[in-house]
């Protein structure tokens, strides 16, 4: 089975590619500038911000499945450059869906819990979305484009906040926390922002399994199996790495306009996959100190951190 993974040097795409390789699948990894460390994969440098660069490699490869993980994944980056975000987060998945339908290939498109407003969790895949920010609005538009143009070949996988090591060492929750602490900041984390964090390793395994399950299409939700606040998440990370909880500050998101509770109902997908969702405590094992923070960490704790396992990369 031939799999194309876009965003293969980003957090989700990298772990999806690794999981597919572990299953013995033929993986074609699309990346932008920083080559990911994916032994066994065939690497393709493609600038997906120009959709005109997409058709030739997809048509020549004729994949069985496309896992689309490339995106502008930061709401702040979307707000800063809406035109670029629209190209990458809406126009790109639309074209992929058209190509997949033309080839008879399956498309698995990653979406987000932020298509919901946080007022009526836990959310089922059949619940009516109501995004409160531009990032969520664009991701919802992308879902509709993918399902319209991809027809029966399209699957939308809505996911939550990702944990684990990213190729860049800057994208995941614990990595952002480490960089903030290294800069001397005392991050404010919300005690009333409830999330359901998802291991990128676990997501990759679920996506690889989906590649082999052609009967599963439509919209699905996937996340970890533990509900936890942003503050509790950071406190557990600090404890895991032997750092003091005093390094962070508790706050409330009530007046920020952020969605407060974005928990998912994981059925029916949880009942259909052999891959099981993980607790946050189990996800901690997938985290290492980012390479750029190792000297700071050793000086702060007196501990010798385990080496970072991934090569530097970016989202698309």
Protein backbone atom coordinates (compact mmCIF):
# COMPACT_ATOMS: atom_id res chain seq x y z
CA UNK A 1 0.00 0.00 0.00
CA UNK A 2 1.37 3.40 -1.03
CA UNK A 3 0.87 6.29 1.42
CA UNK A 4 1.56 9.99 0.87
CA UNK A 5 1.99 12.02 4.08
CA UNK A 6 1.99 15.81 3.83
CA UNK A 7 3.60 17.83 6.62
CA UNK A 8 6.03 14.99 7.29
CA UNK A 9 8.44 17.21 9.23
CA UNK A 10 5.67 18.47 11.53
CA UNK A 11 4.46 16.88 14.75
CA UNK A 12 1.44 14.98 13.37
CA UNK A 13 2.80 14.15 9.93
CA UNK A 14 6.15 12.89 11.20
CA UNK A 15 4.59 10.40 13.62
CA UNK A 16 2.01 9.32 11.03
CA UNK A 17 4.83 8.54 8.60
CA UNK A 18 6.76 6.61 11.26
CA UNK A 19 3.71 4.54 12.18
CA UNK A 20 3.00 3.70 8.53
CA UNK A 21 6.62 2.65 8.04
CA UNK A 22 6.37 0.42 11.12
CA UNK A 23 3.45 -1.36 9.44
CA UNK A 24 5.53 -2.03 6.34
CA UNK A 25 3.66 0.47 4.16
CA UNK A 26 5.35 2.37 1.32
CA UNK A 27 5.62 5.95 2.58
CA UNK A 28 6.17 9.07 0.49
CA UNK A 29 6.86 11.93 2.88
CA UNK A 30 6.21 15.49 1.66
CA UNK A 31 8.12 18.22 3.49
CA UNK A 32 8.98 21.88 2.84
CA UNK A 33 12.54 22.87 3.80
CA UNK A 34 13.87 20.72 6.66
CA UNK A 35 14.29 17.07 5.75
CA UNK A 36 12.75 14.74 8.36
CA UNK A 37 14.60 11.74 9.73
CA UNK A 38 12.44 8.91 8.32
CA UNK A 39 14.58 5.90 7.35
CA UNK A 40 12.74 3.80 4.81
CA UNK A 41 10.52 6.61 3.53
CA UNK A 42 10.85 8.23 0.13
CA UNK A 43 11.23 11.99 0.72
CA UNK A 44 9.75 14.67 -1.53
CA UNK A 45 10.53 18.38 -1.04
CA UNK A 46 7.34 20.21 -2.04
CA UNK A 47 6.30 23.80 -1.33
CA UNK A 48 2.63 23.28 -0.54
CA UNK A 49 2.03 27.04 -0.17
CA UNK A 50 1.93 27.00 -3.99
CA UNK A 51 -0.84 24.57 -4.88
CA UNK A 52 0.48 24.43 -8.43
CA UNK A 53 3.34 22.31 -7.10
CA UNK A 54 0.95 19.65 -5.83
CA UNK A 55 -0.61 18.02 -8.88
CA UNK A 56 2.48 16.52 -10.54
CA UNK A 57 3.85 14.56 -7.55
CA UNK A 58 0.42 13.29 -6.47
CA UNK A 59 -0.59 12.23 -9.99
CA UNK A 60 2.75 10.55 -10.67
CA UNK A 61 2.74 8.63 -7.37
CA UNK A 62 -0.92 7.49 -7.64
CA UNK A 63 -1.15 6.80 -3.87
CA UNK A 64 -3.65 4.52 -2.23
CA UNK A 65 -4.02 6.91 0.72
CA UNK A 66 -3.11 10.55 1.37
CA UNK A 67 -2.69 11.59 5.02
CA UNK A 68 -2.94 15.37 5.01
CA UNK A 69 -1.22 16.79 8.09
CA UNK A 70 0.27 20.01 6.64
CA UNK A 71 -1.32 23.22 7.93
CA UNK A 72 -0.82 26.54 9.60
CA UNK A 73 -1.46 25.03 13.02
CA UNK A 74 -1.12 28.08 15.27
CA UNK A 75 -4.22 30.29 15.70
CA UNK A 76 -1.90 33.28 16.23
CA UNK A 77 -0.14 32.59 12.91
CA UNK A 78 -3.53 32.33 11.19
CA UNK A 79 -4.59 35.71 12.58
CA UNK A 80 -1.25 37.26 11.57
CA UNK A 81 -1.50 36.14 7.93
CA UNK A 82 -5.07 35.14 7.01
CA UNK A 83 -4.37 35.03 3.26
CA UNK A 84 -1.56 32.50 3.64
CA UNK A 85 -3.65 30.52 6.16
CA UNK A 86 -6.56 30.33 3.72
CA UNK A 87 -4.28 28.90 1.02
CA UNK A 88 -2.76 26.25 3.27
CA UNK A 89 -5.75 25.44 5.48
CA UNK A 90 -8.58 25.56 2.93
CA UNK A 91 -7.42 25.71 -0.71
CA UNK A 92 -4.77 23.02 -0.23
CA UNK A 93 -7.06 20.36 1.31
CA UNK A 94 -9.71 21.21 -1.31
CA UNK A 95 -7.24 20.43 -4.11
CA UNK A 96 -6.04 17.27 -2.38
CA UNK A 97 -9.64 16.08 -2.11
CA UNK A 98 -10.18 16.74 -5.82
CA UNK A 99 -7.02 14.85 -6.72
CA UNK A 100 -7.89 11.96 -4.41
CA UNK A 101 -11.34 11.66 -5.95
CA UNK A 102 -9.87 11.78 -9.45
CA UNK A 103 -7.42 8.97 -8.62
CA UNK A 104 -9.80 6.94 -6.47
CA UNK A 105 -7.40 7.42 -3.56
CA UNK A 106 -8.46 7.82 0.05
CA UNK A 107 -7.83 11.14 1.78
CA UNK A 108 -7.47 11.36 5.57
CA UNK A 109 -7.60 15.03 6.54
CA UNK A 110 -6.67 16.28 10.01
CA UNK A 111 -8.97 18.88 11.56
CA UNK A 112 -9.30 20.30 15.08
CA UNK A 113 -11.41 20.46 18.22
CA UNK A 114 -11.48 24.24 17.70
CA UNK A 115 -14.35 23.92 15.23
CA UNK A 116 -16.44 23.94 18.45
CA UNK A 117 -17.10 26.83 20.84
CA UNK A 118 -16.42 25.01 24.12
CA UNK A 119 -19.92 25.48 25.51
CA UNK A 120 -21.42 21.99 25.24
CA UNK A 121 -18.74 19.32 25.67
CA UNK A 122 -18.19 16.44 25.27
CA UNK A 123 -18.67 16.82 21.53
CA UNK A 124 -19.79 14.04 19.22
CA UNK A 125 -18.73 13.96 15.58
CA UNK A 126 -22.35 14.67 14.63
CA UNK A 127 -22.64 17.82 16.76
CA UNK A 128 -23.01 21.17 15.02
CA UNK A 129 -19.69 23.08 14.92
CA UNK A 130 -19.52 26.72 15.99
CA UNK A 131 -15.92 28.02 15.82
CA UNK A 132 -15.15 31.23 17.71
CA UNK A 133 -11.89 32.21 15.95
CA UNK A 134 -10.52 32.43 12.42
CA UNK A 135 -8.39 29.29 12.84
CA UNK A 136 -11.44 27.18 13.69
CA UNK A 137 -13.50 28.84 10.95
CA UNK A 138 -10.94 27.99 8.28
CA UNK A 139 -10.59 24.42 9.54
CA UNK A 140 -14.36 24.00 9.37
CA UNK A 141 -14.38 25.33 5.80
CA UNK A 142 -11.67 22.80 4.97
CA UNK A 143 -13.73 19.94 6.41
CA UNK A 144 -16.66 20.89 4.19
CA UNK A 145 -14.47 21.20 1.09
CA UNK A 146 -12.81 17.83 1.75
CA UNK A 147 -16.10 16.02 2.24
CA UNK A 148 -17.70 17.71 -0.77
CA UNK A 149 -14.88 17.11 -3.24
CA UNK A 150 -13.51 13.90 -1.76
CA UNK A 151 -16.94 12.26 -1.73
CA UNK A 152 -16.67 8.67 -0.40
CA UNK A 153 -12.86 8.72 -0.45
CA UNK A 154 -12.60 11.35 2.32
CA UNK A 155 -12.16 10.97 6.06
CA UNK A 156 -11.94 13.93 8.44
CA UNK A 157 -10.13 13.20 11.69
CA UNK A 158 -10.69 15.92 14.28
CA UNK A 159 -7.91 15.90 16.86
CA UNK A 160 -7.05 17.77 20.04
CA UNK A 161 -3.89 19.37 21.40
CA UNK A 162 -0.87 17.20 20.53
CA UNK A 163 1.87 16.01 22.88
CA UNK A 164 5.21 14.33 22.28
CA UNK A 165 8.48 15.25 20.58
CA UNK A 166 8.32 17.27 17.36
CA UNK A 167 11.11 17.35 14.76
CA UNK A 168 11.64 21.08 15.38
CA UNK A 169 11.68 20.75 19.17
CA UNK A 170 9.32 23.73 19.32
CA UNK A 171 5.81 22.60 18.39
CA UNK A 172 4.50 20.37 21.19
CA UNK A 173 3.10 21.47 24.55
CA UNK A 174 6.11 20.51 26.65
CA UNK A 175 8.53 21.99 24.11
CA UNK A 176 6.79 25.38 24.16
CA UNK A 177 6.82 25.27 27.96
CA UNK A 178 10.56 24.52 28.05
CA UNK A 179 11.40 27.36 25.69
CA UNK A 180 9.31 29.82 27.72
CA UNK A 181 11.04 28.79 30.95
CA UNK A 182 14.45 29.03 29.33
CA UNK A 183 13.62 32.64 28.33
CA UNK A 184 12.96 33.39 31.99
CA UNK A 185 9.20 33.61 31.61
CA UNK A 186 6.63 32.39 34.15
CA UNK A 187 3.85 31.10 31.90
CA UNK A 188 0.22 31.63 32.88
CA UNK A 189 -1.82 28.47 32.37
CA UNK A 190 -5.59 28.32 32.63
CA UNK A 191 -7.19 26.16 35.30
CA UNK A 192 -10.59 26.36 33.57
CA UNK A 193 -9.48 25.54 30.01
CA UNK A 194 -10.26 21.83 29.77
CA UNK A 195 -8.56 19.76 27.11
CA UNK A 196 -8.11 16.12 26.15
CA UNK A 197 -4.45 15.95 25.06
CA UNK A 198 -3.43 13.46 22.40
CA UNK A 199 -0.07 11.76 21.97
CA UNK A 200 1.30 12.34 18.46
CA UNK A 201 2.70 8.79 18.61
CA UNK A 202 -0.78 7.45 19.37
CA UNK A 203 -2.31 9.61 16.63
CA UNK A 204 0.20 8.22 14.16
CA UNK A 205 -0.74 4.66 15.08
CA UNK A 206 -4.45 5.45 14.68
CA UNK A 207 -3.84 7.05 11.27
CA UNK A 208 -1.75 4.11 10.08
CA UNK A 209 -4.52 1.75 11.13
CA UNK A 210 -7.10 3.90 9.33
CA UNK A 211 -5.08 3.52 6.13
CA UNK A 212 -5.87 -0.19 6.28
CA UNK A 213 -9.56 0.35 7.07
CA UNK A 214 -11.17 1.61 3.83
CA UNK A 215 -14.66 1.17 5.27
CA UNK A 216 -14.11 4.04 7.73
CA UNK A 217 -14.88 7.41 6.18
CA UNK A 218 -16.75 10.56 7.19
CA UNK A 219 -15.99 12.59 10.34
CA UNK A 220 -14.34 11.06 13.42
CA UNK A 221 -12.93 12.34 16.72
CA UNK A 222 -9.66 11.18 18.25
CA UNK A 223 -7.96 12.25 21.49
CA UNK A 224 -6.43 10.97 24.69
CA UNK A 225 -8.67 9.36 27.31
CA UNK A 226 -7.95 11.87 30.10
CA UNK A 227 -9.58 15.24 30.72
CA UNK A 228 -7.15 17.77 32.13
CA UNK A 229 -6.77 21.54 32.41
CA UNK A 230 -3.97 23.49 30.75
CA UNK A 231 -2.51 24.20 34.19
CA UNK A 232 -2.65 20.56 35.31
CA UNK A 233 -1.02 19.52 32.06
CA UNK A 234 1.94 21.86 32.63
CA UNK A 235 2.22 20.87 36.31
CA UNK A 236 2.46 17.17 35.36
CA UNK A 237 5.10 17.95 32.74
CA UNK A 238 7.17 19.89 35.29
CA UNK A 239 6.92 17.08 37.82
CA UNK A 240 7.89 14.50 35.19
CA UNK A 241 11.07 16.42 34.41
CA UNK A 242 11.90 17.23 38.05
CA UNK A 243 11.04 20.93 37.78
CA UNK A 244 9.11 23.02 40.31
CA UNK A 245 5.44 23.83 39.85
CA UNK A 246 6.33 27.33 41.07
CA UNK A 247 7.71 28.00 37.58
CA UNK A 248 4.15 28.43 36.25
CA UNK A 249 1.20 30.57 37.33
CA UNK A 250 -2.47 29.60 37.52
CA UNK A 251 -4.97 31.80 35.68
CA UNK A 252 -8.53 31.68 34.33
CA UNK A 253 -9.65 31.97 30.72
CA UNK A 254 -13.20 33.11 31.49
CA UNK A 255 -12.74 36.60 29.98
CA UNK A 256 -10.38 35.72 27.13
CA UNK A 257 -12.91 34.43 24.59
CA UNK A 258 -11.05 31.11 24.31
CA UNK A 259 -13.14 27.91 24.13
CA UNK A 260 -13.21 26.60 27.70
CA UNK A 261 -14.05 22.90 27.31
CA UNK A 262 -13.28 21.02 24.10
CA UNK A 263 -13.61 17.41 25.25
CA UNK A 264 -14.50 14.80 22.62
CA UNK A 265 -16.74 11.78 22.63
CA UNK A 266 -14.44 9.20 21.01
CA UNK A 267 -17.10 6.78 19.85
CA UNK A 268 -17.71 5.38 17.34
CA UNK A 269 -14.06 5.38 16.23
CA UNK A 270 -12.71 4.08 19.54
CA UNK A 271 -14.85 0.99 19.16
CA UNK A 272 -13.64 0.35 15.61
CA UNK A 273 -9.84 0.68 16.02
CA UNK A 274 -7.41 -1.66 17.76
CA UNK A 275 -5.35 1.43 18.70
CA UNK A 276 -6.46 2.61 22.15
CA UNK A 277 -6.34 6.22 23.41
CA UNK A 278 -3.74 7.04 26.08
CA UNK A 279 -3.90 8.77 29.45
CA UNK A 280 -1.81 11.89 29.90
CA UNK A 281 0.49 10.07 32.32
CA UNK A 282 1.28 7.53 29.59
CA UNK A 283 1.91 10.36 27.13
CA UNK A 284 4.68 11.76 29.33
CA UNK A 285 6.89 8.85 28.24
CA UNK A 286 6.84 10.28 24.68
CA UNK A 287 8.43 13.57 25.80
CA UNK A 288 12.12 14.45 26.01
CA UNK A 289 13.90 17.74 26.74
CA UNK A 290 14.19 19.76 23.49
CA UNK A 291 17.76 19.88 22.19
CA UNK A 292 17.93 23.68 22.41
CA UNK A 293 16.94 23.53 26.11
CA UNK A 294 19.26 20.75 27.26
CA UNK A 295 22.02 22.98 28.65
CA UNK A 296 19.48 25.13 30.52
CA UNK A 297 17.79 22.03 31.89
CA UNK A 298 21.05 20.46 33.07
CA UNK A 299 22.07 23.70 34.79
CA UNK A 300 18.65 24.13 36.43
CA UNK A 301 18.14 20.56 37.66
CA UNK A 302 21.62 19.04 37.77
CA UNK A 303 20.24 16.21 35.63
CA UNK A 304 21.62 14.95 32.35
CA UNK A 305 18.66 14.92 29.94
CA UNK A 306 18.08 12.07 27.54
CA UNK A 307 19.10 13.01 23.99
CA UNK A 308 16.39 14.37 21.71
CA UNK A 309 15.43 11.70 19.20
CA UNK A 310 14.19 13.79 16.29
CA UNK A 311 15.80 15.93 13.61
CA UNK A 312 14.85 19.55 13.21
CA UNK A 313 11.90 20.25 10.91
CA UNK A 314 8.86 22.48 10.36
CA UNK A 315 5.17 22.10 9.72
CA UNK A 316 4.89 21.75 5.97
